[in-house]
Each structure stands twice: as structure tokens, then as C-alpha cells.
């Protein structure tokens, strides 16, 4: 979200992003990832797990220093925020 729009911290922008992500997951365009394997590759969540991760965004995302960050995964740093959006191969 930080890279796609000028973020303001409004709850509406979080709700809008959730709606868009849910639609993209349902259309099998993207999925979500919350972890990497030993080689550093993203581990894709199932469609149901992706939708659950999107639904749960509000519990961990906070607007700080002009960016949305996930406070549940502080060790990830700003370069690797969670959850990650992954493009699905067709």
C-alpha cells in the first residue's frame, strides 16, 4: 500500500486496500505470504489463508512515520513488511 498510494493513515485507505486485495485473491491474481523458506523464497498461502491474512490486517497494521507498518513482525524491517503480496503463476 505504501508504494501504490500516497498514504495518510486514514482507516478508509486500509479498508479500501483490504477490499482490493480480497478481490485479487478471489480472482486468483495474487496470494499472500507470511514467511520465507530456507532459500529465501516466499511461501504462498492458500486462497483461504490469504483471505484470512487480509481480514486480519487491521490487527497489526499501524500508521507510523508516514507509512503503514505491521507491528506483529517488527523484525522484518520496512524493506520486508508482512503480509507480502505474491503474484500467482498461471
PDB file of N, CA and C in Angstrom:
ATOM      1  N   UNK A   1       0.831  -1.176   0.000  1.00  0.00           N
ATOM      2  CA  UNK A   1       0.000   0.000   0.000  1.00  0.00           C
ATOM      3  C   UNK A   1       0.879   1.244   0.000  1.00  0.00           C
ATOM      4  N   UNK A   2       1.983   1.185   0.741  1.00  0.00           N
ATOM      5  CA  UNK A   2       2.866   2.342   0.822  1.00  0.00           C
ATOM      6  C   UNK A   2       3.429   2.732  -0.544  1.00  0.00           C
ATOM      7  N   UNK A   3       3.630   1.754  -1.413  1.00  0.00           N
ATOM      8  CA  UNK A   3       4.224   2.022  -2.717  1.00  0.00           C
ATOM      9  C   UNK A   3       3.191   2.420  -3.773  1.00  0.00           C
ATOM     10  N   UNK A   4       1.910   2.132  -3.521  1.00  0.00           N
ATOM     11  CA  UNK A   4       0.891   2.352  -4.539  1.00  0.00           C
ATOM     12  C   UNK A   4       0.140   3.665  -4.414  1.00  0.00           C
ATOM     13  N   UNK A   5      -0.029   4.141  -3.199  1.00  0.00           N
ATOM     14  CA  UNK A   5      -0.796   5.370  -2.994  1.00  0.00           C
ATOM     15  C   UNK A   5      -0.068   6.271  -2.010  1.00  0.00           C
ATOM     16  N   UNK A   6      -0.430   7.540  -2.027  1.00  0.00           N
ATOM     17  CA  UNK A   6       0.064   8.463  -1.011  1.00  0.00           C
ATOM     18  C   UNK A   6      -0.736   8.184   0.253  1.00  0.00           C
ATOM     19  N   UNK A   7      -0.084   7.598   1.239  1.00  0.00           N
ATOM     20  CA  UNK A   7      -0.796   7.179   2.447  1.00  0.00           C
ATOM     21  C   UNK A   7      -0.965   8.341   3.419  1.00  0.00           C
ATOM     22  N   UNK A   8      -2.119   8.335   4.089  1.00  0.00           N
ATOM     23  CA  UNK A   8      -2.428   9.399   5.043  1.00  0.00           C
ATOM     24  C   UNK A   8      -2.677   8.860   6.450  1.00  0.00           C
ATOM     25  N   UNK A   9      -2.848   7.539   6.553  1.00  0.00           N
ATOM     26  CA  UNK A   9      -3.164   6.950   7.846  1.00  0.00           C
ATOM     27  C   UNK A   9      -4.647   6.780   8.079  1.00  0.00           C
ATOM     28  N   UNK A  10      -5.459   7.137   7.122  1.00  0.00           N
ATOM     29  CA  UNK A  10      -6.912   7.010   7.238  1.00  0.00           C
ATOM     30  C   UNK A  10      -7.312   5.540   7.278  1.00  0.00           C
ATOM     31  N   UNK A  11      -8.241   5.204   8.149  1.00  0.00           N
ATOM     32  CA  UNK A  11      -8.768   3.855   8.199  1.00  0.00           C
ATOM     33  C   UNK A  11      -9.444   3.449   6.905  1.00  0.00           C
ATOM     34  N   UNK A  12      -9.966   4.451   6.174  1.00  0.00           N
ATOM     35  CA  UNK A  12     -10.609   4.158   4.896  1.00  0.00           C
ATOM     36  C   UNK A  12      -9.627   3.584   3.883  1.00  0.00           C
ATOM     37  N   UNK A  13      -8.368   4.076   3.891  1.00  0.00           N
ATOM     38  CA  UNK A  13      -7.429   3.545   2.916  1.00  0.00           C
ATOM     39  C   UNK A  13      -7.065   2.095   3.236  1.00  0.00           C
ATOM     40  N   UNK A  14      -7.049   1.735   4.489  1.00  0.00           N
ATOM     41  CA  UNK A  14      -6.814   0.347   4.873  1.00  0.00           C
ATOM     42  C   UNK A  14      -7.985  -0.527   4.434  1.00  0.00           C
ATOM     43  N   UNK A  15      -9.202  -0.075   4.663  1.00  0.00           N
ATOM     44  CA  UNK A  15     -10.395  -0.830   4.240  1.00  0.00           C
ATOM     45  C   UNK A  15     -10.428  -0.979   2.716  1.00  0.00           C
ATOM     46  N   UNK A  16     -10.071   0.080   1.994  1.00  0.00           N
ATOM     47  CA  UNK A  16     -10.037   0.016   0.533  1.00  0.00           C
ATOM     48  C   UNK A  16      -9.000  -1.001   0.061  1.00  0.00           C
ATOM     49  N   UNK A  17      -7.822  -0.996   0.678  1.00  0.00           N
ATOM     50  CA  UNK A  17      -6.778  -1.931   0.292  1.00  0.00           C
ATOM     51  C   UNK A  17      -7.207  -3.370   0.587  1.00  0.00           C
ATOM     52  N   UNK A  18      -7.866  -3.585   1.722  1.00  0.00           N
ATOM     53  CA  UNK A  18      -8.357  -4.929   2.032  1.00  0.00           C
ATOM     54  C   UNK A  18      -9.342  -5.401   0.969  1.00  0.00           C
ATOM     55  N   UNK A  19     -10.249  -4.548   0.573  1.00  0.00           N
ATOM     56  CA  UNK A  19     -11.259  -4.890  -0.434  1.00  0.00           C
ATOM     57  C   UNK A  19     -10.593  -5.252  -1.765  1.00  0.00           C
ATOM     58  N   UNK A  20      -9.627  -4.464  -2.182  1.00  0.00           N
ATOM     59  CA  UNK A  20      -8.921  -4.720  -3.442  1.00  0.00           C
ATOM     60  C   UNK A  20      -8.155  -6.036  -3.365  1.00  0.00           C
ATOM     61  N   UNK A  21      -7.430  -6.248  -2.269  1.00  0.00           N
ATOM     62  CA  UNK A  21      -6.666  -7.483  -2.116  1.00  0.00           C
ATOM     63  C   UNK A  21      -7.580  -8.709  -2.107  1.00  0.00           C
ATOM     64  N   UNK A  22      -8.690  -8.612  -1.397  1.00  0.00           N
ATOM     65  CA  UNK A  22      -9.640  -9.730  -1.362  1.00  0.00           C
ATOM     66  C   UNK A  22     -10.131 -10.072  -2.768  1.00  0.00           C
ATOM     67  N   UNK A  23     -10.457  -9.058  -3.558  1.00  0.00           N
ATOM     68  CA  UNK A  23     -10.921  -9.293  -4.924  1.00  0.00           C
ATOM     69  C   UNK A  23      -9.833  -9.938  -5.773  1.00  0.00           C
ATOM     70  N   UNK A  24      -8.596  -9.477  -5.650  1.00  0.00           N
ATOM     71  CA  UNK A  24      -7.491 -10.051  -6.426  1.00  0.00           C
ATOM     72  C   UNK A  24      -7.209 -11.498  -6.028  1.00  0.00           C
ATOM     73  N   UNK A  25      -7.329 -11.811  -4.747  1.00  0.00           N
ATOM     74  CA  UNK A  25      -7.139 -13.189  -4.293  1.00  0.00           C
ATOM     75  C   UNK A  25      -8.263 -14.069  -4.831  1.00  0.00           C
ATOM     76  N   UNK A  26      -9.493 -13.606  -4.753  1.00  0.00           N
ATOM     77  CA  UNK A  26     -10.634 -14.400  -5.241  1.00  0.00           C
ATOM     78  C   UNK A  26     -10.535 -14.660  -6.749  1.00  0.00           C
ATOM     79  N   UNK A  27      -9.930 -13.726  -7.489  1.00  0.00           N
ATOM     80  CA  UNK A  27      -9.759 -13.879  -8.942  1.00  0.00           C
ATOM     81  C   UNK A  27      -8.485 -14.656  -9.285  1.00  0.00           C
ATOM     82  N   UNK A  28      -7.759 -15.134  -8.268  1.00  0.00           N
ATOM     83  CA  UNK A  28      -6.518 -15.903  -8.459  1.00  0.00           C
ATOM     84  C   UNK A  28      -5.424 -15.102  -9.169  1.00  0.00           C
ATOM     85  N   UNK A  29      -5.391 -13.803  -8.932  1.00  0.00           N
ATOM     86  CA  UNK A  29      -4.339 -12.962  -9.493  1.00  0.00           C
ATOM     87  C   UNK A  29      -3.149 -12.895  -8.540  1.00  0.00           C
ATOM     88  N   UNK A  30      -3.437 -12.747  -7.247  1.00  0.00           N
ATOM     89  CA  UNK A  30      -2.389 -12.689  -6.232  1.00  0.00           C
ATOM     90  C   UNK A  30      -2.761 -13.592  -5.067  1.00  0.00           C
ATOM     91  N   UNK A  31      -1.767 -13.859  -4.248  1.00  0.00           N
ATOM     92  CA  UNK A  31      -1.955 -14.549  -2.983  1.00  0.00           C
ATOM     93  C   UNK A  31      -1.138 -13.800  -1.949  1.00  0.00           C
ATOM     94  N   UNK A  32      -1.090 -14.338  -0.767  1.00  0.00           N
ATOM     95  CA  UNK A  32      -0.339 -13.698   0.305  1.00  0.00           C
ATOM     96  C   UNK A  32       0.739 -14.658   0.803  1.00  0.00           C
ATOM     97  N   UNK A  33       1.742 -14.085   1.438  1.00  0.00           N
ATOM     98  CA  UNK A  33       2.800 -14.871   2.062  1.00  0.00           C
ATOM     99  C   UNK A  33       3.136 -14.231   3.393  1.00  0.00           C
ATOM    100  N   UNK A  34       3.423 -15.067   4.379  1.00  0.00           N
ATOM    101  CA  UNK A  34       3.800 -14.573   5.698  1.00  0.00           C
ATOM    102  C   UNK A  34       5.171 -15.102   6.119  1.00  0.00           C
ATOM    103  N   UNK A  35       5.815 -15.870   5.226  1.00  0.00           N
ATOM    104  CA  UNK A  35       7.097 -16.477   5.597  1.00  0.00           C
ATOM    105  C   UNK A  35       7.905 -16.786   4.347  1.00  0.00           C
ATOM    106  N   UNK A  36       9.185 -17.065   4.580  1.00  0.00           N
ATOM    107  CA  UNK A  36      10.096 -17.481   3.514  1.00  0.00           C
ATOM    108  C   UNK A  36      10.652 -18.854   3.841  1.00  0.00           C
ATOM    109  N   UNK A  37      11.007 -19.593   2.793  1.00  0.00           N
ATOM    110  CA  UNK A  37      11.632 -20.895   3.027  1.00  0.00           C
ATOM    111  C   UNK A  37      13.128 -20.701   3.289  1.00  0.00           C
ATOM    112  N   UNK A  38      13.858 -21.785   3.473  1.00  0.00           N
ATOM    113  CA  UNK A  38      15.283 -21.716   3.823  1.00  0.00           C
ATOM    114  C   UNK A  38      16.112 -21.001   2.762  1.00  0.00           C
ATOM    115  N   UNK A  39      15.666 -21.051   1.503  1.00  0.00           N
ATOM    116  CA  UNK A  39      16.415 -20.379   0.435  1.00  0.00           C
ATOM    117  C   UNK A  39      16.001 -18.925   0.243  1.00  0.00           C
ATOM    118  N   UNK A  40      15.032 -18.465   1.036  1.00  0.00           N
ATOM    119  CA  UNK A  40      14.592 -17.075   0.957  1.00  0.00           C
ATOM    120  C   UNK A  40      13.399 -16.837   0.057  1.00  0.00           C
ATOM    121  N   UNK A  41      12.888 -17.895  -0.571  1.00  0.00           N
ATOM    122  CA  UNK A  41      11.721 -17.756  -1.440  1.00  0.00           C
ATOM    123  C   UNK A  41      10.450 -17.650  -0.595  1.00  0.00           C
ATOM    124  N   UNK A  42       9.507 -16.858  -1.083  1.00  0.00           N
ATOM    125  CA  UNK A  42       8.245 -16.690  -0.380  1.00  0.00           C
ATOM    126  C   UNK A  42       7.435 -17.977  -0.395  1.00  0.00           C
ATOM    127  N   UNK A  43       6.811 -18.302   0.716  1.00  0.00           N
ATOM    128  CA  UNK A  43       5.919 -19.449   0.821  1.00  0.00           C
ATOM    129  C   UNK A  43       4.494 -18.929   0.651  1.00  0.00           C
ATOM    130  N   UNK A  44       3.837 -19.366  -0.415  1.00  0.00           N
ATOM    131  CA  UNK A  44       2.483 -18.890  -0.718  1.00  0.00           C
ATOM    132  C   UNK A  44       1.470 -19.516   0.230  1.00  0.00           C
ATOM    133  N   UNK A  45       0.556 -18.698   0.717  1.00  0.00           N
ATOM    134  CA  UNK A  45      -0.571 -19.188   1.500  1.00  0.00           C
ATOM    135  C   UNK A  45      -1.663 -19.671   0.550  1.00  0.00           C
ATOM    136  N   UNK A  46      -2.514 -20.553   1.021  1.00  0.00           N
ATOM    137  CA  UNK A  46      -3.670 -20.973   0.226  1.00  0.00           C
ATOM    138  C   UNK A  46      -4.611 -19.785   0.059  1.00  0.00           C
ATOM    139  N   UNK A  47      -5.592 -19.937  -0.812  1.00  0.00           N
ATOM    140  CA  UNK A  47      -6.565 -18.854  -1.015  1.00  0.00           C
ATOM    141  C   UNK A  47      -7.273 -18.521   0.295  1.00  0.00           C
ATOM    142  N   UNK A  48      -7.713 -19.558   1.024  1.00  0.00           N
ATOM    143  CA  UNK A  48      -8.408 -19.326   2.295  1.00  0.00           C
ATOM    144  C   UNK A  48      -7.489 -18.641   3.303  1.00  0.00           C
ATOM    145  N   UNK A  49      -6.249 -19.090   3.381  1.00  0.00           N
ATOM    146  CA  UNK A  49      -5.288 -18.472   4.315  1.00  0.00           C
ATOM    147  C   UNK A  49      -4.972 -17.039   3.906  1.00  0.00           C
ATOM    148  N   UNK A  50      -4.896 -16.787   2.593  1.00  0.00           N
ATOM    149  CA  UNK A  50      -4.650 -15.426   2.105  1.00  0.00           C
ATOM    150  C   UNK A  50      -5.783 -14.498   2.512  1.00  0.00           C
ATOM    151  N   UNK A  51      -7.012 -14.963   2.345  1.00  0.00           N
ATOM    152  CA  UNK A  51      -8.169 -14.147   2.728  1.00  0.00           C
ATOM    153  C   UNK A  51      -8.187 -13.886   4.234  1.00  0.00           C
ATOM    154  N   UNK A  52      -7.801 -14.887   5.025  1.00  0.00           N
ATOM    155  CA  UNK A  52      -7.718 -14.700   6.475  1.00  0.00           C
ATOM    156  C   UNK A  52      -6.652 -13.662   6.829  1.00  0.00           C
ATOM    157  N   UNK A  53      -5.509 -13.709   6.153  1.00  0.00           N
ATOM    158  CA  UNK A  53      -4.435 -12.738   6.415  1.00  0.00           C
ATOM    159  C   UNK A  53      -4.884 -11.324   6.076  1.00  0.00           C
ATOM    160  N   UNK A  54      -5.624 -11.187   4.989  1.00  0.00           N
ATOM    161  CA  UNK A  54      -6.129  -9.869   4.592  1.00  0.00           C
ATOM    162  C   UNK A  54      -7.152  -9.368   5.605  1.00  0.00           C
ATOM    163  N   UNK A  55      -8.039 -10.255   6.037  1.00  0.00           N
ATOM    164  CA  UNK A  55      -9.053  -9.878   7.019  1.00  0.00           C
ATOM    165  C   UNK A  55      -8.408  -9.419   8.334  1.00  0.00           C
ATOM    166  N   UNK A  56      -7.267 -10.009   8.655  1.00  0.00           N
ATOM    167  CA  UNK A  56      -6.572  -9.720   9.911  1.00  0.00           C
ATOM    168  C   UNK A  56      -5.609  -8.533   9.828  1.00  0.00           C
ATOM    169  N   UNK A  57      -5.520  -7.870   8.686  1.00  0.00           N
ATOM    170  CA  UNK A  57      -4.569  -6.766   8.535  1.00  0.00           C
ATOM    171  C   UNK A  57      -4.713  -5.699   9.617  1.00  0.00           C
ATOM    172  N   UNK A  58      -5.933  -5.350   9.927  1.00  0.00           N
ATOM    173  CA  UNK A  58      -6.191  -4.262  10.874  1.00  0.00           C
ATOM    174  C   UNK A  58      -5.583  -4.531  12.251  1.00  0.00           C
ATOM    175  N   UNK A  59      -5.447  -5.809  12.625  1.00  0.00           N
ATOM    176  CA  UNK A  59      -4.932  -6.117  13.963  1.00  0.00           C
ATOM    177  C   UNK A  59      -3.467  -5.761  14.129  1.00  0.00           C
ATOM    178  N   UNK A  60      -2.712  -5.716  13.048  1.00  0.00           N
ATOM    179  CA  UNK A  60      -1.286  -5.455  13.188  1.00  0.00           C
ATOM    180  C   UNK A  60      -0.779  -4.203  12.510  1.00  0.00           C
ATOM    181  N   UNK A  61      -1.520  -3.677  11.541  1.00  0.00           N
ATOM    182  CA  UNK A  61      -1.038  -2.503  10.820  1.00  0.00           C
ATOM    183  C   UNK A  61      -1.256  -1.228  11.614  1.00  0.00           C
ATOM    184  N   UNK A  62      -0.221  -0.427  11.648  1.00  0.00           N
ATOM    185  CA  UNK A  62      -0.272   0.893  12.292  1.00  0.00           C
ATOM    186  C   UNK A  62       0.380   1.898  11.353  1.00  0.00           C
ATOM    187  N   UNK A  63      -0.097   3.116  11.404  1.00  0.00           N
ATOM    188  CA  UNK A  63       0.476   4.177  10.587  1.00  0.00           C
ATOM    189  C   UNK A  63       1.511   4.911  11.421  1.00  0.00           C
ATOM    190  N   UNK A  64       2.784   4.782  11.034  1.00  0.00           N
ATOM    191  CA  UNK A  64       3.881   5.418  11.759  1.00  0.00           C
ATOM    192  C   UNK A  64       4.861   6.019  10.770  1.00  0.00           C
ATOM    193  N   UNK A  65       5.313   7.201  11.069  1.00  0.00           N
ATOM    194  CA  UNK A  65       6.335   7.875  10.247  1.00  0.00           C
ATOM    195  C   UNK A  65       5.958   7.907   8.767  1.00  0.00           C
ATOM    196  N   UNK A  66       4.676   8.147   8.492  1.00  0.00           N
ATOM    197  CA  UNK A  66       4.216   8.282   7.110  1.00  0.00           C
ATOM    198  C   UNK A  66       4.057   6.983   6.346  1.00  0.00           C
ATOM    199  N   UNK A  67       4.098   5.831   7.029  1.00  0.00           N
ATOM    200  CA  UNK A  67       3.989   4.520   6.385  1.00  0.00           C
ATOM    201  C   UNK A  67       3.105   3.599   7.207  1.00  0.00           C
ATOM    202  N   UNK A  68       2.426   2.690   6.531  1.00  0.00           N
ATOM    203  CA  UNK A  68       1.742   1.603   7.208  1.00  0.00           C
ATOM    204  C   UNK A  68       2.775   0.526   7.483  1.00  0.00           C
ATOM    205  N   UNK A  69       2.880   0.085   8.728  1.00  0.00           N
ATOM    206  CA  UNK A  69       3.794  -0.997   9.080  1.00  0.00           C
ATOM    207  C   UNK A  69       3.036  -2.038   9.884  1.00  0.00           C
ATOM    208  N   UNK A  70       3.503  -3.281   9.799  1.00  0.00           N
ATOM    209  CA  UNK A  70       2.888  -4.364  10.549  1.00  0.00           C
ATOM    210  C   UNK A  70       3.674  -4.552  11.833  1.00  0.00           C
ATOM    211  N   UNK A  71       3.092  -4.186  12.948  1.00  0.00           N
ATOM    212  CA  UNK A  71       3.783  -4.223  14.238  1.00  0.00           C
ATOM    213  C   UNK A  71       3.959  -5.640  14.761  1.00  0.00           C
ATOM    214  N   UNK A  72       3.257  -6.622  14.177  1.00  0.00           N
ATOM    215  CA  UNK A  72       3.413  -8.014  14.607  1.00  0.00           C
ATOM    216  C   UNK A  72       4.734  -8.606  14.137  1.00  0.00           C
ATOM    217  N   UNK A  73       5.332  -8.001  13.132  1.00  0.00           N
ATOM    218  CA  UNK A  73       6.549  -8.542  12.546  1.00  0.00           C
ATOM    219  C   UNK A  73       7.622  -7.459  12.490  1.00  0.00           C
ATOM    220  N   UNK A  74       7.885  -6.834  13.612  1.00  0.00           N
ATOM    221  CA  UNK A  74       8.815  -5.711  13.658  1.00  0.00           C
ATOM    222  C   UNK A  74      10.204  -6.089  13.171  1.00  0.00           C
ATOM    223  N   UNK A  75      10.612  -7.343  13.331  1.00  0.00           N
ATOM    224  CA  UNK A  75      11.949  -7.760  12.912  1.00  0.00           C
ATOM    225  C   UNK A  75      12.110  -7.742  11.397  1.00  0.00           C
ATOM    226  N   UNK A  76      10.983  -7.689  10.666  1.00  0.00           N
ATOM    227  CA  UNK A  76      11.081  -7.725   9.208  1.00  0.00           C
ATOM    228  C   UNK A  76      11.652  -6.442   8.639  1.00  0.00           C
ATOM    229  N   UNK A  77      11.527  -5.340   9.343  1.00  0.00           N
ATOM    230  CA  UNK A  77      12.011  -4.068   8.828  1.00  0.00           C
ATOM    231  C   UNK A  77      11.097  -3.533   7.742  1.00  0.00           C
ATOM    232  N   UNK A  78      11.329  -2.316   7.317  1.00  0.00           N
ATOM    233  CA  UNK A  78      10.473  -1.683   6.313  1.00  0.00           C
ATOM    234  C   UNK A  78      10.679  -2.274   4.922  1.00  0.00           C
ATOM    235  N   UNK A  79      11.825  -2.927   4.675  1.00  0.00           N
ATOM    236  CA  UNK A  79      12.075  -3.481   3.359  1.00  0.00           C
ATOM    237  C   UNK A  79      11.271  -4.765   3.126  1.00  0.00           C
ATOM    238  N   UNK A  80      10.787  -5.400   4.152  1.00  0.00           N
ATOM    239  CA  UNK A  80      10.094  -6.672   4.011  1.00  0.00           C
ATOM    240  C   UNK A  80       8.874  -6.712   4.934  1.00  0.00           C
ATOM    241  N   UNK A  81       7.880  -5.849   4.684  1.00  0.00           N
ATOM    242  CA  UNK A  81       6.711  -5.803   5.560  1.00  0.00           C
ATOM    243  C   UNK A  81       5.844  -7.040   5.393  1.00  0.00           C
ATOM    244  N   UNK A  82       5.045  -7.351   6.394  1.00  0.00           N
ATOM    245  CA  UNK A  82       4.149  -8.507   6.339  1.00  0.00           C
ATOM    246  C   UNK A  82       2.718  -8.029   6.329  1.00  0.00           C
ATOM    247  N   UNK A  83       1.771  -8.740   5.815  1.00  0.00           N
ATOM    248  CA  UNK A  83       1.966  -9.860   4.919  1.00  0.00           C
ATOM    249  C   UNK A  83       2.436  -9.375   3.554  1.00  0.00           C
ATOM    250  N   UNK A  84       3.042 -10.259   2.795  1.00  0.00           N
ATOM    251  CA  UNK A  84       3.552  -9.916   1.474  1.00  0.00           C
ATOM    252  C   UNK A  84       2.562 -10.373   0.407  1.00  0.00           C
ATOM    253  N   UNK A  85       2.416  -9.582  -0.623  1.00  0.00           N
ATOM    254  CA  UNK A  85       1.563  -9.919  -1.752  1.00  0.00           C
ATOM    255  C   UNK A  85       2.425 -10.644  -2.777  1.00  0.00           C
ATOM    256  N   UNK A  86       1.959 -11.797  -3.234  1.00  0.00           N
ATOM    257  CA  UNK A  86       2.714 -12.562  -4.221  1.00  0.00           C
ATOM    258  C   UNK A  86       1.863 -12.789  -5.460  1.00  0.00           C
ATOM    259  N   UNK A  87       2.488 -12.655  -6.608  1.00  0.00           N
ATOM    260  CA  UNK A  87       1.789 -12.889  -7.873  1.00  0.00           C
ATOM    261  C   UNK A  87       1.694 -14.388  -8.099  1.00  0.00           C
ATOM    262  N   UNK A  88       0.551 -14.840  -8.502  1.00  0.00           N
ATOM    263  CA  UNK A  88       0.357 -16.269  -8.754  1.00  0.00           C
ATOM    264  C   UNK A  88       0.717 -16.583 -10.197  1.00  0.00           C
ATOM    265  N   UNK A  89       1.410 -17.676 -10.396  1.00  0.00           N
ATOM    266  CA  UNK A  89       1.758 -18.123 -11.740  1.00  0.00           C
ATOM    267  C   UNK A  89       0.555 -18.822 -12.351  1.00  0.00           C
ATOM    268  N   UNK A  90       0.295 -18.529 -13.572  1.00  0.00           N
ATOM    269  CA  UNK A  90      -0.835 -19.171 -14.277  1.00  0.00           C
ATOM    270  C   UNK A  90      -0.302 -20.048 -15.362  1.00  0.00           C
TER     271      UNK A  90
END
